[in-house]
């Protein structure tokens, strides 16, 4: 079973895909978002079909105190719409600190600031997906 991880953002979607055994997350190219959500959903539905994805997890950007702000509401709505269109389960996962952690990793790797944004989104998606995969395995 393959799982797709999404780091939701207004300008870009960071993407990661698991292996067939749902053990290891790997980055995919970042998706620059068009003006219409419908185009994002079409892009993701094709990706889900092409890669035989059985489940999706979308990062939920909660505030540090655990409350849901505007972006968390948007991400939850996006997850619901994607589940409806793609016809597969879409879960959300608390993603607090994934972007900050991804940025730290890129700084430590001496990646130039101008190249960090798309890499950061993909790395955050990998962290979201890997956390999700690890939790699911520990629940079995």
N, C-alpha and C. Protein backbone atom coordinates (compact mmCIF):
# COMPACT_ATOMS: atom_id res chain seq x y z
N UNK A 1 0.85 -1.18 0.00
CA UNK A 1 0.00 0.00 0.00
C UNK A 1 0.89 1.24 0.00
N UNK A 2 0.69 2.08 -0.98
CA UNK A 2 1.45 3.33 -1.04
C UNK A 2 0.64 4.45 -0.39
N UNK A 3 1.38 5.38 0.27
CA UNK A 3 0.76 6.51 0.93
C UNK A 3 1.43 7.78 0.39
N UNK A 4 0.62 8.79 0.13
CA UNK A 4 1.10 10.09 -0.33
C UNK A 4 1.03 11.07 0.83
N UNK A 5 2.11 11.80 1.05
CA UNK A 5 2.15 12.83 2.08
C UNK A 5 2.14 14.20 1.43
N UNK A 6 1.38 15.13 2.03
CA UNK A 6 1.27 16.48 1.48
C UNK A 6 1.53 17.51 2.57
N UNK A 7 2.49 18.40 2.30
CA UNK A 7 2.69 19.58 3.14
C UNK A 7 1.91 20.70 2.48
N UNK A 8 0.74 21.03 3.05
CA UNK A 8 -0.18 21.99 2.44
C UNK A 8 0.33 23.41 2.61
N UNK A 9 0.30 24.15 1.50
CA UNK A 9 0.63 25.57 1.52
C UNK A 9 -0.18 26.29 0.46
N UNK A 10 -0.30 27.59 0.61
CA UNK A 10 -1.10 28.36 -0.35
C UNK A 10 -0.41 28.50 -1.71
N UNK A 11 0.92 28.51 -1.73
CA UNK A 11 1.65 28.66 -2.98
C UNK A 11 2.16 27.34 -3.55
N UNK A 12 2.51 26.42 -2.64
CA UNK A 12 3.09 25.15 -3.06
C UNK A 12 2.56 24.01 -2.21
N UNK A 13 2.58 22.81 -2.79
CA UNK A 13 2.31 21.59 -2.05
C UNK A 13 3.59 20.78 -2.04
N UNK A 14 4.14 20.55 -0.86
CA UNK A 14 5.25 19.63 -0.73
C UNK A 14 4.70 18.23 -0.81
N UNK A 15 5.37 17.35 -1.52
CA UNK A 15 4.85 16.00 -1.76
C UNK A 15 5.90 14.94 -1.41
N UNK A 16 5.42 13.84 -0.84
CA UNK A 16 6.28 12.69 -0.56
C UNK A 16 5.46 11.43 -0.80
N UNK A 17 6.15 10.37 -1.17
CA UNK A 17 5.48 9.11 -1.49
C UNK A 17 6.18 7.98 -0.74
N UNK A 18 5.37 7.06 -0.21
CA UNK A 18 5.96 5.90 0.47
C UNK A 18 6.28 4.81 -0.55
N UNK A 19 7.07 3.86 -0.10
CA UNK A 19 7.30 2.65 -0.89
C UNK A 19 6.06 1.77 -0.79
N UNK A 20 6.04 0.65 -1.52
CA UNK A 20 4.89 -0.26 -1.54
C UNK A 20 4.55 -0.81 -0.16
N UNK A 21 5.57 -1.02 0.66
CA UNK A 21 5.35 -1.57 1.99
C UNK A 21 4.95 -0.53 3.02
N UNK A 22 4.83 0.72 2.62
CA UNK A 22 4.48 1.83 3.52
C UNK A 22 5.43 1.91 4.71
N UNK A 23 6.74 1.83 4.39
CA UNK A 23 7.77 1.89 5.43
C UNK A 23 8.61 3.16 5.32
N UNK A 24 8.95 3.56 4.11
CA UNK A 24 9.89 4.65 3.90
C UNK A 24 9.30 5.74 3.01
N UNK A 25 9.43 7.00 3.44
CA UNK A 25 8.95 8.15 2.68
C UNK A 25 10.08 8.74 1.85
N UNK A 26 9.76 9.10 0.61
CA UNK A 26 10.73 9.75 -0.29
C UNK A 26 10.09 10.99 -0.89
N UNK A 27 10.89 12.03 -1.12
CA UNK A 27 10.32 13.27 -1.67
C UNK A 27 9.95 13.14 -3.14
N UNK A 28 8.94 13.89 -3.53
CA UNK A 28 8.56 14.08 -4.92
C UNK A 28 8.77 15.55 -5.24
N UNK A 29 8.79 15.92 -6.52
CA UNK A 29 8.91 17.34 -6.84
C UNK A 29 7.74 18.14 -6.24
N UNK A 30 8.06 19.32 -5.77
CA UNK A 30 7.06 20.21 -5.20
C UNK A 30 6.10 20.67 -6.29
N UNK A 31 4.83 20.77 -5.93
CA UNK A 31 3.79 21.20 -6.87
C UNK A 31 3.47 22.67 -6.62
N UNK A 32 3.76 23.52 -7.60
CA UNK A 32 3.36 24.93 -7.51
C UNK A 32 1.87 25.02 -7.79
N UNK A 33 1.17 25.66 -6.89
CA UNK A 33 -0.28 25.68 -6.98
C UNK A 33 -0.78 26.72 -7.98
N UNK A 34 -1.71 26.31 -8.84
CA UNK A 34 -2.36 27.28 -9.72
C UNK A 34 -3.41 28.04 -8.91
N UNK A 35 -4.11 28.94 -9.56
CA UNK A 35 -5.10 29.75 -8.85
C UNK A 35 -6.33 28.96 -8.44
N UNK A 36 -6.64 27.87 -9.13
CA UNK A 36 -7.84 27.10 -8.84
C UNK A 36 -7.51 25.81 -8.12
N UNK A 37 -8.20 25.56 -7.03
CA UNK A 37 -8.02 24.32 -6.27
C UNK A 37 -8.39 23.12 -7.12
N UNK A 38 -9.33 23.29 -8.03
CA UNK A 38 -9.77 22.21 -8.92
C UNK A 38 -8.59 21.63 -9.69
N UNK A 39 -7.66 22.50 -10.12
CA UNK A 39 -6.49 22.03 -10.86
C UNK A 39 -5.55 21.24 -9.96
N UNK A 40 -5.42 21.66 -8.68
CA UNK A 40 -4.63 20.89 -7.72
C UNK A 40 -5.22 19.49 -7.56
N UNK A 41 -6.52 19.43 -7.40
CA UNK A 41 -7.19 18.15 -7.19
C UNK A 41 -7.04 17.25 -8.40
N UNK A 42 -7.11 17.82 -9.60
CA UNK A 42 -6.92 17.04 -10.83
C UNK A 42 -5.49 16.50 -10.88
N UNK A 43 -4.51 17.34 -10.58
CA UNK A 43 -3.10 16.93 -10.56
C UNK A 43 -2.89 15.79 -9.56
N UNK A 44 -3.43 15.95 -8.35
CA UNK A 44 -3.23 14.95 -7.31
C UNK A 44 -3.96 13.65 -7.62
N UNK A 45 -5.14 13.74 -8.20
CA UNK A 45 -5.88 12.54 -8.57
C UNK A 45 -5.10 11.73 -9.61
N UNK A 46 -4.51 12.40 -10.58
CA UNK A 46 -3.69 11.69 -11.58
C UNK A 46 -2.47 11.04 -10.92
N UNK A 47 -1.84 11.77 -10.00
CA UNK A 47 -0.68 11.24 -9.28
C UNK A 47 -1.09 10.01 -8.46
N UNK A 48 -2.21 10.09 -7.78
CA UNK A 48 -2.71 8.98 -6.97
C UNK A 48 -2.97 7.75 -7.84
N UNK A 49 -3.57 7.95 -8.99
CA UNK A 49 -3.84 6.83 -9.90
C UNK A 49 -2.55 6.26 -10.47
N UNK A 50 -1.65 7.13 -10.92
CA UNK A 50 -0.41 6.68 -11.55
C UNK A 50 0.47 5.89 -10.57
N UNK A 51 0.52 6.34 -9.31
CA UNK A 51 1.39 5.71 -8.31
C UNK A 51 0.69 4.66 -7.46
N UNK A 52 -0.60 4.41 -7.76
CA UNK A 52 -1.38 3.41 -7.03
C UNK A 52 -1.41 3.71 -5.52
N UNK A 53 -1.69 4.95 -5.20
CA UNK A 53 -1.76 5.40 -3.81
C UNK A 53 -3.09 4.95 -3.21
N UNK A 54 -3.04 4.38 -2.02
CA UNK A 54 -4.24 3.88 -1.35
C UNK A 54 -4.72 4.82 -0.25
N UNK A 55 -3.85 5.74 0.18
CA UNK A 55 -4.19 6.62 1.30
C UNK A 55 -3.32 7.87 1.20
N UNK A 56 -3.83 8.99 1.72
CA UNK A 56 -3.10 10.26 1.71
C UNK A 56 -3.10 10.82 3.13
N UNK A 57 -2.02 11.48 3.49
CA UNK A 57 -1.96 12.23 4.75
C UNK A 57 -1.56 13.66 4.43
N UNK A 58 -2.33 14.60 4.96
CA UNK A 58 -2.09 16.03 4.78
C UNK A 58 -1.64 16.60 6.12
N UNK A 59 -0.55 17.36 6.10
CA UNK A 59 -0.08 18.01 7.32
C UNK A 59 -1.08 19.04 7.81
N UNK A 60 -1.33 19.04 9.11
CA UNK A 60 -2.27 19.97 9.73
C UNK A 60 -1.47 21.00 10.50
N UNK A 61 -1.39 22.24 9.97
CA UNK A 61 -0.55 23.27 10.59
C UNK A 61 -1.24 23.93 11.79
N UNK A 62 -1.21 23.24 12.92
CA UNK A 62 -1.79 23.79 14.15
C UNK A 62 -0.87 24.84 14.76
N UNK A 63 -1.44 25.72 15.56
CA UNK A 63 -0.65 26.68 16.33
C UNK A 63 0.11 25.90 17.41
N UNK A 64 1.14 26.51 17.96
CA UNK A 64 1.95 25.83 18.97
C UNK A 64 1.13 25.41 20.19
N UNK A 65 0.04 26.11 20.49
CA UNK A 65 -0.80 25.74 21.64
C UNK A 65 -1.82 24.66 21.27
N UNK A 66 -1.77 24.17 20.03
CA UNK A 66 -2.66 23.09 19.60
C UNK A 66 -3.95 23.56 18.95
N UNK A 67 -4.20 24.85 18.95
CA UNK A 67 -5.44 25.35 18.35
C UNK A 67 -5.30 25.41 16.83
N UNK A 68 -6.47 25.34 16.17
CA UNK A 68 -6.50 25.38 14.71
C UNK A 68 -6.75 26.81 14.24
N UNK A 69 -5.85 27.31 13.42
CA UNK A 69 -6.02 28.62 12.83
C UNK A 69 -6.54 28.51 11.41
N UNK A 70 -6.43 29.59 10.67
CA UNK A 70 -6.93 29.66 9.30
C UNK A 70 -6.30 28.61 8.39
N UNK A 71 -5.00 28.43 8.48
CA UNK A 71 -4.32 27.46 7.61
C UNK A 71 -4.74 26.02 7.95
N UNK A 72 -4.96 25.73 9.22
CA UNK A 72 -5.40 24.39 9.60
C UNK A 72 -6.80 24.11 9.06
N UNK A 73 -7.66 25.12 9.08
CA UNK A 73 -9.00 24.97 8.53
C UNK A 73 -8.91 24.73 7.03
N UNK A 74 -8.06 25.50 6.34
CA UNK A 74 -7.87 25.31 4.89
C UNK A 74 -7.35 23.91 4.58
N UNK A 75 -6.36 23.45 5.35
CA UNK A 75 -5.77 22.13 5.10
C UNK A 75 -6.80 21.02 5.33
N UNK A 76 -7.62 21.17 6.35
CA UNK A 76 -8.66 20.18 6.64
C UNK A 76 -9.69 20.15 5.52
N UNK A 77 -10.09 21.32 5.05
CA UNK A 77 -11.04 21.41 3.95
C UNK A 77 -10.45 20.78 2.68
N UNK A 78 -9.19 21.09 2.41
CA UNK A 78 -8.49 20.53 1.25
C UNK A 78 -8.46 19.00 1.35
N UNK A 79 -8.16 18.47 2.52
CA UNK A 79 -8.10 17.02 2.71
C UNK A 79 -9.46 16.39 2.43
N UNK A 80 -10.53 17.02 2.90
CA UNK A 80 -11.87 16.51 2.65
C UNK A 80 -12.24 16.51 1.18
N UNK A 81 -11.88 17.59 0.50
CA UNK A 81 -12.17 17.69 -0.94
C UNK A 81 -11.38 16.64 -1.72
N UNK A 82 -10.11 16.45 -1.35
CA UNK A 82 -9.28 15.46 -2.04
C UNK A 82 -9.83 14.05 -1.83
N UNK A 83 -10.24 13.74 -0.62
CA UNK A 83 -10.82 12.42 -0.34
C UNK A 83 -12.07 12.19 -1.18
N UNK A 84 -12.89 13.20 -1.28
CA UNK A 84 -14.13 13.09 -2.06
C UNK A 84 -13.83 12.86 -3.55
N UNK A 85 -12.90 13.64 -4.09
CA UNK A 85 -12.58 13.56 -5.52
C UNK A 85 -11.81 12.28 -5.86
N UNK A 86 -10.84 11.92 -5.02
CA UNK A 86 -9.98 10.76 -5.31
C UNK A 86 -10.62 9.44 -4.88
N UNK A 87 -11.57 9.50 -3.96
CA UNK A 87 -12.24 8.29 -3.52
C UNK A 87 -11.41 7.40 -2.62
N UNK A 88 -10.42 7.98 -1.93
CA UNK A 88 -9.61 7.21 -0.98
C UNK A 88 -9.55 7.97 0.34
N UNK A 89 -9.16 7.29 1.43
CA UNK A 89 -9.06 7.97 2.71
C UNK A 89 -7.96 9.02 2.70
N UNK A 90 -8.25 10.18 3.28
CA UNK A 90 -7.25 11.24 3.46
C UNK A 90 -7.28 11.63 4.93
N UNK A 91 -6.17 11.41 5.60
CA UNK A 91 -6.03 11.74 7.02
C UNK A 91 -5.28 13.06 7.16
N UNK A 92 -5.38 13.66 8.32
CA UNK A 92 -4.57 14.83 8.64
C UNK A 92 -3.68 14.47 9.83
N UNK A 93 -2.52 15.09 9.88
CA UNK A 93 -1.55 14.82 10.94
C UNK A 93 -0.94 16.13 11.41
N UNK A 94 -0.90 16.32 12.70
CA UNK A 94 -0.27 17.51 13.29
C UNK A 94 1.14 17.65 12.73
N UNK A 95 1.40 18.78 12.11
CA UNK A 95 2.71 18.98 11.48
C UNK A 95 3.51 20.09 12.14
N UNK A 96 3.15 20.45 13.37
CA UNK A 96 3.91 21.52 14.03
C UNK A 96 5.39 21.23 13.97
N UNK A 97 6.14 22.22 13.59
CA UNK A 97 7.61 22.22 13.56
C UNK A 97 8.24 21.51 12.37
N UNK A 98 7.47 20.90 11.48
CA UNK A 98 8.11 20.20 10.35
C UNK A 98 8.81 21.16 9.41
N UNK A 99 8.19 22.31 9.13
CA UNK A 99 8.83 23.28 8.23
C UNK A 99 10.08 23.86 8.87
N UNK A 100 10.00 24.17 10.16
CA UNK A 100 11.17 24.70 10.86
C UNK A 100 12.30 23.67 10.88
N UNK A 101 11.96 22.42 11.11
CA UNK A 101 12.96 21.35 11.12
C UNK A 101 13.57 21.16 9.73
N UNK A 102 12.73 21.21 8.71
CA UNK A 102 13.24 21.08 7.34
C UNK A 102 14.19 22.22 7.01
N UNK A 103 13.83 23.43 7.42
CA UNK A 103 14.69 24.59 7.18
C UNK A 103 16.03 24.44 7.90
N UNK A 104 16.00 23.92 9.12
CA UNK A 104 17.23 23.71 9.88
C UNK A 104 18.14 22.71 9.16
N UNK A 105 17.55 21.63 8.68
CA UNK A 105 18.33 20.60 7.96
C UNK A 105 18.98 21.21 6.72
N UNK A 106 18.23 22.02 5.98
CA UNK A 106 18.77 22.63 4.76
C UNK A 106 19.86 23.65 5.07
N UNK A 107 19.70 24.41 6.14
CA UNK A 107 20.76 25.35 6.56
C UNK A 107 22.03 24.60 6.91
N UNK A 108 21.87 23.53 7.68
CA UNK A 108 23.04 22.74 8.09
C UNK A 108 23.71 22.06 6.90
N UNK A 109 22.95 21.81 5.85
CA UNK A 109 23.51 21.21 4.63
C UNK A 109 24.07 22.28 3.69
N UNK A 110 24.07 23.54 4.15
CA UNK A 110 24.59 24.67 3.37
C UNK A 110 23.89 24.86 2.03
N UNK A 111 22.59 24.58 2.00
CA UNK A 111 21.80 24.83 0.80
C UNK A 111 21.55 26.34 0.72
N UNK A 112 21.86 26.97 -0.42
CA UNK A 112 21.66 28.41 -0.53
C UNK A 112 20.20 28.80 -0.26
N UNK A 113 20.03 29.92 0.40
CA UNK A 113 18.70 30.41 0.76
C UNK A 113 17.76 30.45 -0.44
N UNK A 114 18.27 30.83 -1.61
CA UNK A 114 17.42 30.95 -2.80
C UNK A 114 16.86 29.62 -3.28
N UNK A 115 17.45 28.51 -2.85
CA UNK A 115 17.00 27.18 -3.30
C UNK A 115 16.25 26.42 -2.22
N UNK A 116 16.08 27.02 -1.05
CA UNK A 116 15.51 26.29 0.10
C UNK A 116 14.00 26.08 0.01
N UNK A 117 13.24 27.06 -0.50
CA UNK A 117 11.77 26.98 -0.41
C UNK A 117 11.19 25.70 -0.99
N UNK A 118 11.44 25.37 -2.26
CA UNK A 118 10.84 24.14 -2.78
C UNK A 118 11.40 22.89 -2.09
N UNK A 119 12.67 22.92 -1.73
CA UNK A 119 13.25 21.76 -1.04
C UNK A 119 12.66 21.62 0.36
N UNK A 120 12.44 22.75 1.02
CA UNK A 120 11.87 22.74 2.37
C UNK A 120 10.48 22.10 2.37
N UNK A 121 9.66 22.46 1.38
CA UNK A 121 8.30 21.91 1.31
C UNK A 121 8.32 20.40 1.10
N UNK A 122 9.21 19.93 0.23
CA UNK A 122 9.32 18.49 0.00
C UNK A 122 9.84 17.75 1.22
N UNK A 123 10.82 18.35 1.89
CA UNK A 123 11.37 17.73 3.09
C UNK A 123 10.35 17.71 4.21
N UNK A 124 9.55 18.76 4.33
CA UNK A 124 8.47 18.78 5.33
C UNK A 124 7.45 17.68 5.02
N UNK A 125 7.14 17.48 3.74
CA UNK A 125 6.21 16.41 3.35
C UNK A 125 6.78 15.04 3.71
N UNK A 126 8.08 14.85 3.53
CA UNK A 126 8.72 13.59 3.91
C UNK A 126 8.59 13.38 5.42
N UNK A 127 8.81 14.44 6.19
CA UNK A 127 8.71 14.31 7.65
C UNK A 127 7.28 13.98 8.09
N UNK A 128 6.31 14.63 7.47
CA UNK A 128 4.90 14.36 7.78
C UNK A 128 4.58 12.90 7.46
N UNK A 129 4.94 12.47 6.27
CA UNK A 129 4.63 11.11 5.84
C UNK A 129 5.37 10.08 6.68
N UNK A 130 6.64 10.30 6.95
CA UNK A 130 7.41 9.32 7.72
C UNK A 130 6.85 9.19 9.13
N UNK A 131 6.47 10.29 9.74
CA UNK A 131 5.84 10.25 11.07
C UNK A 131 4.55 9.44 11.01
N UNK A 132 3.75 9.68 10.00
CA UNK A 132 2.48 8.96 9.82
C UNK A 132 2.73 7.46 9.64
N UNK A 133 3.69 7.10 8.79
CA UNK A 133 4.00 5.69 8.55
C UNK A 133 4.49 5.01 9.83
N UNK A 134 5.36 5.69 10.56
CA UNK A 134 5.90 5.12 11.81
C UNK A 134 4.80 4.91 12.83
N UNK A 135 3.88 5.85 12.94
CA UNK A 135 2.76 5.72 13.90
C UNK A 135 1.85 4.56 13.50
N UNK A 136 1.56 4.45 12.22
CA UNK A 136 0.68 3.35 11.77
C UNK A 136 1.31 1.99 12.04
N UNK A 137 2.61 1.88 11.82
CA UNK A 137 3.30 0.61 12.07
C UNK A 137 3.29 0.26 13.55
N UNK A 138 3.46 1.28 14.41
CA UNK A 138 3.48 1.01 15.85
C UNK A 138 2.10 0.65 16.39
N UNK A 139 1.04 1.00 15.67
CA UNK A 139 -0.33 0.69 16.10
C UNK A 139 -0.74 -0.72 15.73
N UNK A 140 0.02 -1.34 14.84
CA UNK A 140 -0.35 -2.68 14.35
C UNK A 140 0.01 -3.74 15.38
